[in-house]
Amino acid sequence: MPRPGEKDLDSKSLAVWTDAELEAELSRRRTRRVAGKLSKEAAPPPAGGRVARALDSIEKEREIAQAYANLELPKGASIEEVEKKYALLAQKYAPEKQGGDPARVELAKQLGDKLRGAYQRLVQYLS
């Protein structure tokens, strides 16, 4: 069925079309169809839609799983376990306990930031 403003391309009406007209019409329709598909594919999902909420949920779950892994805990550990493990790891990797080696001190600071971020994320999640 032709769209509004288009000529019908059934077998009876093809006889009245010249080859050039037919080729031009088919090319125009292909271009419009491809442009329509591209615009649909390139359009981001609407803000706050189901897709956006699903992606946010997946991202949140990934962050939680990474926080548990950073603290070397199984997923689903209680807040008490999180607090104990954080205190233990923070003490173990304190920059003051790295023997004054500048490289080890810098790594300990970076690890401390990572542990602190994981701890804060899990406390927020579990509260």
Protein backbone atom coordinates (compact mmCIF):
# COMPACT_ATOMS: atom_id res chain seq x y z
CA MET A 1 0.00 0.00 0.00
CA PRO A 2 1.53 3.32 -1.01
CA ARG A 3 2.04 6.10 1.46
CA PRO A 4 0.13 9.34 1.00
CA GLY A 5 1.50 11.19 -2.03
CA GLU A 6 3.14 8.07 -3.52
CA LYS A 7 2.07 6.35 -6.68
CA ASP A 8 1.11 2.71 -6.45
CA LEU A 9 3.71 0.33 -7.86
CA ASP A 10 1.43 -2.58 -8.67
CA SER A 11 1.84 -4.59 -11.88
CA LYS A 12 -0.96 -2.76 -13.69
CA SER A 13 0.46 0.72 -13.11
CA LEU A 14 4.09 -0.21 -13.85
CA ALA A 15 3.37 -0.08 -17.56
CA VAL A 16 2.85 3.70 -17.40
CA TRP A 17 6.14 4.37 -15.61
CA THR A 18 9.28 5.03 -17.62
CA ASP A 19 12.43 3.24 -16.52
CA ALA A 20 13.96 6.50 -15.28
CA GLU A 21 10.83 7.39 -13.26
CA LEU A 22 10.70 3.92 -11.76
CA GLU A 23 14.38 3.96 -10.81
CA ALA A 24 14.08 7.44 -9.30
CA GLU A 25 10.99 6.45 -7.28
CA LEU A 26 12.61 3.26 -5.96
CA SER A 27 15.79 5.13 -5.06
CA ARG A 28 13.78 7.81 -3.22
CA ARG A 29 11.88 5.15 -1.26
CA ARG A 30 15.07 3.28 -0.33
CA THR A 31 16.70 6.49 0.85
CA ARG A 32 13.71 7.44 2.95
CA ARG A 33 13.46 3.94 4.44
CA VAL A 34 17.16 3.84 5.33
CA ALA A 35 17.03 7.35 6.79
CA GLY A 36 14.01 6.35 8.88
CA LYS A 37 15.81 3.27 10.23
CA LEU A 38 18.95 5.25 11.02
CA SER A 39 17.06 7.93 12.87
CA LYS A 40 15.28 5.29 14.97
CA GLU A 41 18.48 3.41 15.74
CA ALA A 42 20.49 6.53 16.54
CA ALA A 43 17.89 8.02 18.86
CA PRO A 44 18.78 7.53 22.52
CA PRO A 45 16.16 6.02 24.79
CA PRO A 46 13.87 8.58 26.39
CA ALA A 47 15.08 9.91 29.71
CA GLY A 48 13.45 8.12 32.61
CA GLY A 49 12.10 5.36 30.37
CA ARG A 50 12.22 1.63 31.02
CA VAL A 51 15.55 1.25 29.22
CA ALA A 52 17.16 4.05 31.20
CA ARG A 53 15.88 2.64 34.49
CA ALA A 54 17.12 -0.84 33.56
CA LEU A 55 20.57 0.51 32.66
CA ASP A 56 20.72 2.45 35.93
CA SER A 57 19.78 -0.66 37.86
CA ILE A 58 22.43 -2.75 36.11
CA GLU A 59 25.06 -0.08 36.73
CA LYS A 60 24.12 0.10 40.42
CA GLU A 61 24.37 -3.70 40.78
CA ARG A 62 27.76 -3.67 39.08
CA GLU A 63 29.01 -0.96 41.45
CA ILE A 64 27.77 -2.91 44.48
CA ALA A 65 29.42 -6.13 43.28
CA GLN A 66 32.68 -4.24 42.65
CA ALA A 67 32.55 -2.70 46.14
CA TYR A 68 32.15 -6.15 47.72
CA ALA A 69 35.08 -7.41 45.62
CA ASN A 70 37.26 -4.43 46.63
CA LEU A 71 36.68 -5.27 50.27
CA GLU A 72 37.26 -8.99 49.58
CA LEU A 73 33.78 -9.91 50.82
CA PRO A 74 31.13 -12.21 49.42
CA LYS A 75 28.13 -10.42 47.95
CA GLY A 76 25.43 -10.04 50.58
CA ALA A 77 27.74 -9.60 53.55
CA SER A 78 26.19 -7.74 56.49
CA ILE A 79 27.06 -4.19 57.44
CA GLU A 80 28.97 -5.47 60.50
CA GLU A 81 31.14 -7.67 58.25
CA VAL A 82 31.73 -4.73 55.91
CA GLU A 83 32.82 -2.49 58.80
CA LYS A 84 35.16 -5.13 60.25
CA LYS A 85 36.76 -5.94 56.91
CA TYR A 86 37.20 -2.26 56.04
CA ALA A 87 38.91 -1.56 59.38
CA LEU A 88 41.19 -4.59 58.90
CA LEU A 89 42.17 -3.68 55.32
CA ALA A 90 42.58 0.03 56.09
CA GLN A 91 44.95 -0.85 58.92
CA LYS A 92 46.82 -3.41 56.80
CA TYR A 93 47.35 -1.03 53.88
CA ALA A 94 47.93 2.18 55.85
CA PRO A 95 50.64 4.32 54.19
CA GLU A 96 52.51 4.56 57.52
CA LYS A 97 53.03 0.78 57.51
CA GLN A 98 54.75 0.66 54.12
CA GLY A 99 58.29 1.12 55.41
CA GLY A 100 58.88 4.55 53.89
CA ASP A 101 59.17 3.23 50.32
CA PRO A 102 57.65 6.04 48.18
CA ALA A 103 56.23 3.68 45.57
CA ARG A 104 54.55 1.49 48.20
CA VAL A 105 53.25 4.56 50.06
CA GLU A 106 51.66 5.91 46.86
CA LEU A 107 50.06 2.52 46.09
CA ALA A 108 48.79 2.32 49.68
CA LYS A 109 47.18 5.76 49.33
CA GLN A 110 45.48 4.75 46.09
CA LEU A 111 44.29 1.50 47.60
CA GLY A 112 43.05 3.37 50.67
CA ASP A 113 40.95 5.65 48.45
CA LYS A 114 39.53 2.63 46.66
CA LEU A 115 38.71 0.89 49.94
CA ARG A 116 37.13 4.04 51.37
CA GLY A 117 34.93 4.45 48.28
CA ALA A 118 33.84 0.81 48.43
CA TYR A 119 33.09 1.09 52.14
CA GLN A 120 31.01 4.26 51.68
CA ARG A 121 29.10 2.73 48.77
CA LEU A 122 28.24 -0.42 50.73
CA VAL A 123 27.28 1.46 53.90
CA GLN A 124 24.97 3.63 51.81
CA TYR A 125 23.54 0.56 50.07
CA LEU A 126 23.04 -1.46 53.27
CA SER A 127 21.60 1.39 55.35
